[in-house]
Full PDB file with SEQRES, HELIX, SHEET, SSBOND, CRYST1, ORIGX, SCALE, CONECT and MASTER records, all heavy atoms in Angstrom:
SEQRES   1 A   31  GLU ARG ASN ALA GLY GLY TYR LEU TRP LEU ALA ILE LEU          
SEQRES   2 A   31  PHE ALA SER VAL LEU SER LEU GLY GLU SER PHE ARG VAL          
SEQRES   3 A   31  GLU THR GLU ASN ALA                                          
HELIX    1 AA1 ALA A    4  THR A   28  1                                  25    
CRYST1    1.000    1.000    1.000  90.00  90.00  90.00 P 1           1          
ORIGX1      1.000000  0.000000  0.000000        0.00000                         
ORIGX2      0.000000  1.000000  0.000000        0.00000                         
ORIGX3      0.000000  0.000000  1.000000        0.00000                         
SCALE1      1.000000  0.000000  0.000000        0.00000                         
SCALE2      0.000000  1.000000  0.000000        0.00000                         
SCALE3      0.000000  0.000000  1.000000        0.00000                         
ATOM      1  N   GLU A   1      -5.515 -19.079   4.647  1.00  0.00           N  
ATOM      2  CA  GLU A   1      -6.701 -18.303   4.266  1.00  0.00           C  
ATOM      3  C   GLU A   1      -6.705 -16.993   5.042  1.00  0.00           C  
ATOM      4  O   GLU A   1      -7.055 -15.917   4.484  1.00  0.00           O  
ATOM      5  CB  GLU A   1      -7.982 -19.088   4.589  1.00  0.00           C  
ATOM      6  CG  GLU A   1      -8.189 -20.318   3.700  1.00  0.00           C  
ATOM      7  CD  GLU A   1      -9.409 -21.084   4.146  1.00  0.00           C  
ATOM      8  OE1 GLU A   1     -10.223 -20.569   4.917  1.00  0.00           O  
ATOM      9  OE2 GLU A   1      -9.530 -22.245   3.669  1.00  0.00           O  
ATOM     10  N   ARG A   2      -6.354 -17.006   6.307  1.00  0.00           N  
ATOM     11  CA  ARG A   2      -6.409 -15.799   7.125  1.00  0.00           C  
ATOM     12  C   ARG A   2      -5.414 -14.771   6.720  1.00  0.00           C  
ATOM     13  O   ARG A   2      -5.666 -13.559   6.810  1.00  0.00           O  
ATOM     14  CB  ARG A   2      -6.208 -16.199   8.623  1.00  0.00           C  
ATOM     15  CG  ARG A   2      -6.517 -15.103   9.599  1.00  0.00           C  
ATOM     16  CD  ARG A   2      -6.717 -15.672  10.990  1.00  0.00           C  
ATOM     17  NE  ARG A   2      -5.548 -16.360  11.476  1.00  0.00           N  
ATOM     18  CZ  ARG A   2      -5.487 -17.657  11.718  1.00  0.00           C  
ATOM     19  NH1 ARG A   2      -6.542 -18.446  11.497  1.00  0.00           N  
ATOM     20  NH2 ARG A   2      -4.362 -18.211  12.164  1.00  0.00           N  
ATOM     21  N   ASN A   3      -4.234 -15.209   6.233  1.00  0.00           N  
ATOM     22  CA  ASN A   3      -3.185 -14.245   5.900  1.00  0.00           C  
ATOM     23  C   ASN A   3      -2.955 -14.116   4.387  1.00  0.00           C  
ATOM     24  O   ASN A   3      -1.892 -13.589   3.987  1.00  0.00           O  
ATOM     25  CB  ASN A   3      -1.858 -14.701   6.579  1.00  0.00           C  
ATOM     26  CG  ASN A   3      -1.972 -14.705   8.059  1.00  0.00           C  
ATOM     27  OD1 ASN A   3      -2.590 -13.815   8.667  1.00  0.00           O  
ATOM     28  ND2 ASN A   3      -1.389 -15.690   8.695  1.00  0.00           N  
ATOM     29  N   ALA A   4      -3.886 -14.578   3.579  1.00  0.00           N  
ATOM     30  CA  ALA A   4      -3.658 -14.586   2.118  1.00  0.00           C  
ATOM     31  C   ALA A   4      -3.429 -13.172   1.567  1.00  0.00           C  
ATOM     32  O   ALA A   4      -2.592 -12.980   0.700  1.00  0.00           O  
ATOM     33  CB  ALA A   4      -4.872 -15.233   1.416  1.00  0.00           C  
ATOM     34  N   GLY A   5      -4.145 -12.173   2.084  1.00  0.00           N  
ATOM     35  CA  GLY A   5      -4.007 -10.818   1.625  1.00  0.00           C  
ATOM     36  C   GLY A   5      -2.575 -10.278   1.899  1.00  0.00           C  
ATOM     37  O   GLY A   5      -1.979  -9.614   1.009  1.00  0.00           O  
ATOM     38  N   GLY A   6      -2.046 -10.621   3.074  1.00  0.00           N  
ATOM     39  CA  GLY A   6      -0.692 -10.186   3.381  1.00  0.00           C  
ATOM     40  C   GLY A   6       0.356 -10.856   2.488  1.00  0.00           C  
ATOM     41  O   GLY A   6       1.297 -10.185   2.021  1.00  0.00           O  
ATOM     42  N   TYR A   7       0.183 -12.121   2.208  1.00  0.00           N  
ATOM     43  CA  TYR A   7       1.098 -12.848   1.364  1.00  0.00           C  
ATOM     44  C   TYR A   7       1.060 -12.293  -0.068  1.00  0.00           C  
ATOM     45  O   TYR A   7       2.090 -12.175  -0.712  1.00  0.00           O  
ATOM     46  CB  TYR A   7       0.811 -14.346   1.353  1.00  0.00           C  
ATOM     47  CG  TYR A   7       0.871 -14.971   2.681  1.00  0.00           C  
ATOM     48  CD1 TYR A   7       0.074 -16.095   3.055  1.00  0.00           C  
ATOM     49  CD2 TYR A   7       1.759 -14.530   3.676  1.00  0.00           C  
ATOM     50  CE1 TYR A   7       0.099 -16.664   4.262  1.00  0.00           C  
ATOM     51  CE2 TYR A   7       1.837 -15.151   4.916  1.00  0.00           C  
ATOM     52  CZ  TYR A   7       0.983 -16.209   5.233  1.00  0.00           C  
ATOM     53  OH  TYR A   7       1.031 -16.788   6.429  1.00  0.00           O  
ATOM     54  N   LEU A   8      -0.105 -11.957  -0.543  1.00  0.00           N  
ATOM     55  CA  LEU A   8      -0.236 -11.403  -1.875  1.00  0.00           C  
ATOM     56  C   LEU A   8       0.551 -10.101  -1.992  1.00  0.00           C  
ATOM     57  O   LEU A   8       1.346  -9.909  -2.949  1.00  0.00           O  
ATOM     58  CB  LEU A   8      -1.718 -11.167  -2.213  1.00  0.00           C  
ATOM     59  CG  LEU A   8      -1.983 -10.391  -3.521  1.00  0.00           C  
ATOM     60  CD1 LEU A   8      -1.591 -11.222  -4.736  1.00  0.00           C  
ATOM     61  CD2 LEU A   8      -3.415  -9.995  -3.605  1.00  0.00           C  
ATOM     62  N   TRP A   9       0.397  -9.203  -1.026  1.00  0.00           N  
ATOM     63  CA  TRP A   9       1.058  -7.913  -1.114  1.00  0.00           C  
ATOM     64  C   TRP A   9       2.559  -7.998  -0.826  1.00  0.00           C  
ATOM     65  O   TRP A   9       3.333  -7.167  -1.310  1.00  0.00           O  
ATOM     66  CB  TRP A   9       0.377  -6.894  -0.202  1.00  0.00           C  
ATOM     67  CG  TRP A   9      -0.851  -6.400  -0.887  1.00  0.00           C  
ATOM     68  CD1 TRP A   9      -2.140  -6.797  -0.639  1.00  0.00           C  
ATOM     69  CD2 TRP A   9      -0.927  -5.494  -1.990  1.00  0.00           C  
ATOM     70  NE1 TRP A   9      -3.023  -6.193  -1.483  1.00  0.00           N  
ATOM     71  CE2 TRP A   9      -2.315  -5.389  -2.326  1.00  0.00           C  
ATOM     72  CE3 TRP A   9       0.017  -4.769  -2.702  1.00  0.00           C  
ATOM     73  CZ2 TRP A   9      -2.751  -4.529  -3.344  1.00  0.00           C  
ATOM     74  CZ3 TRP A   9      -0.417  -3.951  -3.709  1.00  0.00           C  
ATOM     75  CH2 TRP A   9      -1.785  -3.832  -4.040  1.00  0.00           C  
ATOM     76  N   LEU A  10       2.965  -8.979  -0.051  1.00  0.00           N  
ATOM     77  CA  LEU A  10       4.444  -9.180   0.103  1.00  0.00           C  
ATOM     78  C   LEU A  10       5.056  -9.632  -1.177  1.00  0.00           C  
ATOM     79  O   LEU A  10       6.154  -9.168  -1.560  1.00  0.00           O  
ATOM     80  CB  LEU A  10       4.713 -10.184   1.211  1.00  0.00           C  
ATOM     81  CG  LEU A  10       4.564  -9.697   2.667  1.00  0.00           C  
ATOM     82  CD1 LEU A  10       4.746 -10.840   3.648  1.00  0.00           C  
ATOM     83  CD2 LEU A  10       5.597  -8.572   2.942  1.00  0.00           C  
ATOM     84  N   ALA A  11       4.349 -10.491  -1.917  1.00  0.00           N  
ATOM     85  CA  ALA A  11       4.875 -10.958  -3.190  1.00  0.00           C  
ATOM     86  C   ALA A  11       4.917  -9.770  -4.195  1.00  0.00           C  
ATOM     87  O   ALA A  11       5.903  -9.639  -4.943  1.00  0.00           O  
ATOM     88  CB  ALA A  11       3.940 -12.033  -3.778  1.00  0.00           C  
ATOM     89  N   ILE A  12       3.909  -8.918  -4.159  1.00  0.00           N  
ATOM     90  CA  ILE A  12       3.927  -7.761  -5.078  1.00  0.00           C  
ATOM     91  C   ILE A  12       5.029  -6.784  -4.678  1.00  0.00           C  
ATOM     92  O   ILE A  12       5.727  -6.211  -5.528  1.00  0.00           O  
ATOM     93  CB  ILE A  12       2.537  -7.064  -5.048  1.00  0.00           C  
ATOM     94  CG1 ILE A  12       1.476  -7.985  -5.646  1.00  0.00           C  
ATOM     95  CG2 ILE A  12       2.596  -5.733  -5.816  1.00  0.00           C  
ATOM     96  CD1 ILE A  12       0.073  -7.429  -5.502  1.00  0.00           C  
ATOM     97  N   LEU A  13       5.217  -6.579  -3.366  1.00  0.00           N  
ATOM     98  CA  LEU A  13       6.279  -5.704  -2.886  1.00  0.00           C  
ATOM     99  C   LEU A  13       7.659  -6.141  -3.305  1.00  0.00           C  
ATOM    100  O   LEU A  13       8.472  -5.365  -3.821  1.00  0.00           O  
ATOM    101  CB  LEU A  13       6.202  -5.546  -1.375  1.00  0.00           C  
ATOM    102  CG  LEU A  13       7.282  -4.731  -0.697  1.00  0.00           C  
ATOM    103  CD1 LEU A  13       7.139  -3.211  -1.100  1.00  0.00           C  
ATOM    104  CD2 LEU A  13       7.220  -4.831   0.817  1.00  0.00           C  
ATOM    105  N   PHE A  14       7.947  -7.423  -3.083  1.00  0.00           N  
ATOM    106  CA  PHE A  14       9.248  -7.939  -3.463  1.00  0.00           C  
ATOM    107  C   PHE A  14       9.454  -7.851  -4.984  1.00  0.00           C  
ATOM    108  O   PHE A  14      10.578  -7.496  -5.427  1.00  0.00           O  
ATOM    109  CB  PHE A  14       9.404  -9.412  -3.028  1.00  0.00           C  
ATOM    110  CG  PHE A  14       9.410  -9.571  -1.543  1.00  0.00           C  
ATOM    111  CD1 PHE A  14       8.966 -10.758  -0.931  1.00  0.00           C  
ATOM    112  CD2 PHE A  14       9.848  -8.568  -0.675  1.00  0.00           C  
ATOM    113  CE1 PHE A  14       8.963 -10.913   0.453  1.00  0.00           C  
ATOM    114  CE2 PHE A  14       9.831  -8.695   0.681  1.00  0.00           C  
ATOM    115  CZ  PHE A  14       9.375  -9.891   1.258  1.00  0.00           C  
ATOM    116  N   ALA A  15       8.436  -8.172  -5.756  1.00  0.00           N  
ATOM    117  CA  ALA A  15       8.569  -8.065  -7.213  1.00  0.00           C  
ATOM    118  C   ALA A  15       8.695  -6.617  -7.666  1.00  0.00           C  
ATOM    119  O   ALA A  15       9.341  -6.313  -8.705  1.00  0.00           O  
ATOM    120  CB  ALA A  15       7.337  -8.679  -7.889  1.00  0.00           C  
ATOM    121  N   SER A  16       8.097  -5.656  -6.907  1.00  0.00           N  
ATOM    122  CA  SER A  16       8.153  -4.255  -7.320  1.00  0.00           C  
ATOM    123  C   SER A  16       9.588  -3.737  -7.303  1.00  0.00           C  
ATOM    124  O   SER A  16       9.914  -2.807  -8.064  1.00  0.00           O  
ATOM    125  CB  SER A  16       7.266  -3.412  -6.416  1.00  0.00           C  
ATOM    126  OG  SER A  16       7.863  -3.261  -5.093  1.00  0.00           O  
ATOM    127  N   VAL A  17      10.463  -4.290  -6.444  1.00  0.00           N  
ATOM    128  CA  VAL A  17      11.861  -3.861  -6.424  1.00  0.00           C  
ATOM    129  C   VAL A  17      12.543  -4.131  -7.727  1.00  0.00           C  
ATOM    130  O   VAL A  17      13.272  -3.318  -8.297  1.00  0.00           O  
ATOM    131  CB  VAL A  17      12.614  -4.506  -5.236  1.00  0.00           C  
ATOM    132  CG1 VAL A  17      14.052  -4.127  -5.255  1.00  0.00           C  
ATOM    133  CG2 VAL A  17      11.962  -4.103  -3.923  1.00  0.00           C  
ATOM    134  N   LEU A  18      12.238  -5.307  -8.305  1.00  0.00           N  
ATOM    135  CA  LEU A  18      12.807  -5.634  -9.614  1.00  0.00           C  
ATOM    136  C   LEU A  18      12.278  -4.725 -10.681  1.00  0.00           C  
ATOM    137  O   LEU A  18      12.998  -4.195 -11.523  1.00  0.00           O  
ATOM    138  CB  LEU A  18      12.458  -7.075  -9.985  1.00  0.00           C  
ATOM    139  CG  LEU A  18      13.035  -8.188  -9.105  1.00  0.00           C  
ATOM    140  CD1 LEU A  18      12.507  -9.545  -9.581  1.00  0.00           C  
ATOM    141  CD2 LEU A  18      14.538  -8.162  -9.119  1.00  0.00           C  
ATOM    142  N   SER A  19      10.964  -4.470 -10.670  1.00  0.00           N  
ATOM    143  CA  SER A  19      10.317  -3.618 -11.657  1.00  0.00           C  
ATOM    144  C   SER A  19      10.850  -2.183 -11.576  1.00  0.00           C  
ATOM    145  O   SER A  19      11.205  -1.596 -12.624  1.00  0.00           O  
ATOM    146  CB  SER A  19       8.791  -3.630 -11.463  1.00  0.00           C  
ATOM    147  OG  SER A  19       8.182  -2.701 -12.284  1.00  0.00           O  
ATOM    148  N   LEU A  20      10.867  -1.618 -10.391  1.00  0.00           N  
ATOM    149  CA  LEU A  20      11.294  -0.201 -10.263  1.00  0.00           C  
ATOM    150  C   LEU A  20      12.771  -0.034 -10.634  1.00  0.00           C  
ATOM    151  O   LEU A  20      13.154   0.974 -11.281  1.00  0.00           O  
ATOM    152  CB  LEU A  20      11.037   0.240  -8.795  1.00  0.00           C  
ATOM    153  CG  LEU A  20       9.585   0.283  -8.382  1.00  0.00           C  
ATOM    154  CD1 LEU A  20       9.462   0.388  -6.881  1.00  0.00           C  
ATOM    155  CD2 LEU A  20       8.860   1.448  -9.064  1.00  0.00           C  
ATOM    156  N   GLY A  21      13.627  -0.969 -10.217  1.00  0.00           N  
ATOM    157  CA  GLY A  21      15.014  -0.813 -10.567  1.00  0.00           C  
ATOM    158  C   GLY A  21      15.268  -0.923 -12.046  1.00  0.00           C  
ATOM    159  O   GLY A  21      16.079  -0.170 -12.614  1.00  0.00           O  
ATOM    160  N   GLU A  22      14.573  -1.836 -12.749  1.00  0.00           N  
ATOM    161  CA  GLU A  22      14.773  -1.982 -14.163  1.00  0.00           C  
ATOM    162  C   GLU A  22      14.177  -0.795 -14.934  1.00  0.00           C  
ATOM    163  O   GLU A  22      14.647  -0.508 -16.046  1.00  0.00           O  
ATOM    164  CB  GLU A  22      14.070  -3.257 -14.646  1.00  0.00           C  
ATOM    165  CG  GLU A  22      14.814  -4.527 -14.299  1.00  0.00           C  
ATOM    166  CD  GLU A  22      16.179  -4.614 -14.929  1.00  0.00           C  
ATOM    167  OE1 GLU A  22      16.292  -4.218 -16.110  1.00  0.00           O  
ATOM    168  OE2 GLU A  22      17.139  -4.978 -14.270  1.00  0.00           O  
ATOM    169  N   SER A  23      13.200  -0.093 -14.393  1.00  0.00           N  
ATOM    170  CA  SER A  23      12.607   1.022 -15.146  1.00  0.00           C  
ATOM    171  C   SER A  23      13.587   2.140 -15.410  1.00  0.00           C  
ATOM    172  O   SER A  23      13.517   2.811 -16.436  1.00  0.00           O  
ATOM    173  CB  SER A  23      11.424   1.553 -14.356  1.00  0.00           C  
ATOM    174  OG  SER A  23      11.820   2.170 -13.140  1.00  0.00           O  
ATOM    175  N   PHE A  24      14.585   2.312 -14.477  1.00  0.00           N  
ATOM    176  CA  PHE A  24      15.613   3.336 -14.741  1.00  0.00           C  
ATOM    177  C   PHE A  24      16.912   2.766 -15.281  1.00  0.00           C  
ATOM    178  O   PHE A  24      17.758   3.543 -15.721  1.00  0.00           O  
ATOM    179  CB  PHE A  24      15.844   4.127 -13.485  1.00  0.00           C  
ATOM    180  CG  PHE A  24      14.887   5.273 -13.281  1.00  0.00           C  
ATOM    181  CD1 PHE A  24      13.769   5.133 -12.537  1.00  0.00           C  
ATOM    182  CD2 PHE A  24      15.110   6.487 -13.895  1.00  0.00           C  
ATOM    183  CE1 PHE A  24      12.814   6.137 -12.413  1.00  0.00           C  
ATOM    184  CE2 PHE A  24      14.203   7.528 -13.783  1.00  0.00           C  
ATOM    185  CZ  PHE A  24      13.058   7.356 -13.008  1.00  0.00           C  
ATOM    186  N   ARG A  25      17.046   1.477 -15.197  1.00  0.00           N  
ATOM    187  CA  ARG A  25      18.273   0.832 -15.742  1.00  0.00           C  
ATOM    188  C   ARG A  25      18.334   1.087 -17.251  1.00  0.00           C  
ATOM    189  O   ARG A  25      19.404   1.337 -17.817  1.00  0.00           O  
ATOM    190  CB  ARG A  25      18.324  -0.636 -15.417  1.00  0.00           C  
ATOM    191  CG  ARG A  25      19.675  -1.270 -15.636  1.00  0.00           C  
ATOM    192  CD  ARG A  25      19.597  -2.771 -15.434  1.00  0.00           C  
ATOM    193  NE  ARG A  25      19.101  -3.118 -14.136  1.00  0.00           N  
ATOM    194  CZ  ARG A  25      19.833  -3.216 -13.050  1.00  0.00           C  
ATOM    195  NH1 ARG A  25      21.133  -3.009 -13.104  1.00  0.00           N  
ATOM    196  NH2 ARG A  25      19.283  -3.562 -11.893  1.00  0.00           N  
ATOM    197  N   VAL A  26      17.204   1.003 -17.931  1.00  0.00           N  
ATOM    198  CA  VAL A  26      17.140   1.244 -19.375  1.00  0.00           C  
ATOM    199  C   VAL A  26      17.563   2.683 -19.672  1.00  0.00           C  
ATOM    200  O   VAL A  26      18.251   2.938 -20.641  1.00  0.00           O  
ATOM    201  CB  VAL A  26      15.704   0.965 -19.898  1.00  0.00           C  
ATOM    202  CG1 VAL A  26      15.594   1.319 -21.344  1.00  0.00           C  
ATOM    203  CG2 VAL A  26      15.342  -0.480 -19.650  1.00  0.00           C  
ATOM    204  N   GLU A  27      17.083   3.633 -18.854  1.00  0.00           N  
ATOM    205  CA  GLU A  27      17.407   5.032 -19.118  1.00  0.00           C  
ATOM    206  C   GLU A  27      18.842   5.415 -18.848  1.00  0.00           C  
ATOM    207  O   GLU A  27      19.385   6.311 -19.518  1.00  0.00           O  
ATOM    208  CB  GLU A  27      16.475   5.924 -18.260  1.00  0.00           C  
ATOM    209  CG  GLU A  27      14.989   5.676 -18.447  1.00  0.00           C  
ATOM    210  CD  GLU A  27      14.500   6.004 -19.852  1.00  0.00           C  
ATOM    211  OE1 GLU A  27      15.235   6.682 -20.590  1.00  0.00           O  
ATOM    212  OE2 GLU A  27      13.384   5.654 -20.230  1.00  0.00           O  
ATOM    213  N   THR A  28      19.445   4.732 -17.896  1.00  0.00           N  
ATOM    214  CA  THR A  28      20.870   5.082 -17.579  1.00  0.00           C  
ATOM    215  C   THR A  28      21.854   4.502 -18.559  1.00  0.00           C  
ATOM    216  O   THR A  28      23.005   4.963 -18.580  1.00  0.00           O  
ATOM    217  CB  THR A  28      21.234   4.628 -16.148  1.00  0.00           C  
ATOM    218  OG1 THR A  28      20.902   3.208 -16.017  1.00  0.00           O  
ATOM    219  CG2 THR A  28      20.402   5.404 -15.113  1.00  0.00           C  
ATOM    220  N   GLU A  29      21.452   3.489 -19.313  1.00  0.00           N  
ATOM    221  CA  GLU A  29      22.333   2.938 -20.330  1.00  0.00           C  
ATOM    222  C   GLU A  29      22.484   3.905 -21.460  1.00  0.00           C  
ATOM    223  O   GLU A  29      21.558   4.454 -21.970  1.00  0.00           O  
ATOM    224  CB  GLU A  29      21.803   1.607 -20.857  1.00  0.00           C  
ATOM    225  CG  GLU A  29      21.806   0.488 -19.811  1.00  0.00           C  
ATOM    226  CD  GLU A  29      21.173  -0.782 -20.336  1.00  0.00           C  
ATOM    227  OE1 GLU A  29      20.677  -0.760 -21.475  1.00  0.00           O  
ATOM    228  OE2 GLU A  29      21.222  -1.804 -19.585  1.00  0.00           O  
ATOM    229  N   ASN A  30      23.734   4.125 -21.888  1.00  0.00           N  
ATOM    230  CA  ASN A  30      24.064   5.004 -23.008  1.00  0.00           C  
ATOM    231  C   ASN A  30      23.568   6.400 -22.792  1.00  0.00           C  
ATOM    232  O   ASN A  30      23.251   7.129 -23.777  1.00  0.00           O  
ATOM    233  CB  ASN A  30      23.501   4.470 -24.336  1.00  0.00           C  
ATOM    234  CG  ASN A  30      24.075   3.065 -24.648  1.00  0.00           C  
ATOM    235  OD1 ASN A  30      25.235   2.820 -24.454  1.00  0.00           O  
ATOM    236  ND2 ASN A  30      23.213   2.191 -25.111  1.00  0.00           N  
ATOM    237  N   ALA A  31      23.423   6.837 -21.534  1.00  0.00           N  
ATOM    238  CA  ALA A  31      23.014   8.221 -21.198  1.00  0.00           C  
ATOM    239  C   ALA A  31      21.666   8.609 -21.789  1.00  0.00           C  
ATOM    240  O   ALA A  31      21.468   9.757 -22.193  1.00  0.00           O  
ATOM    241  CB  ALA A  31      24.091   9.196 -21.608  1.00  0.00           C  
TER     242      ALA A  31                                                      
MASTER        0    0    0    1    0    0    0    6  241    1    0    3          
END                                                                             
């Protein structure tokens, strides 16, 4: 309960790496 906010944002941060990387992977394919 005390650290729930930190765990939430760590989960979002780790997931954001997948999201951000994929956002430009589509653009780099086929130039």
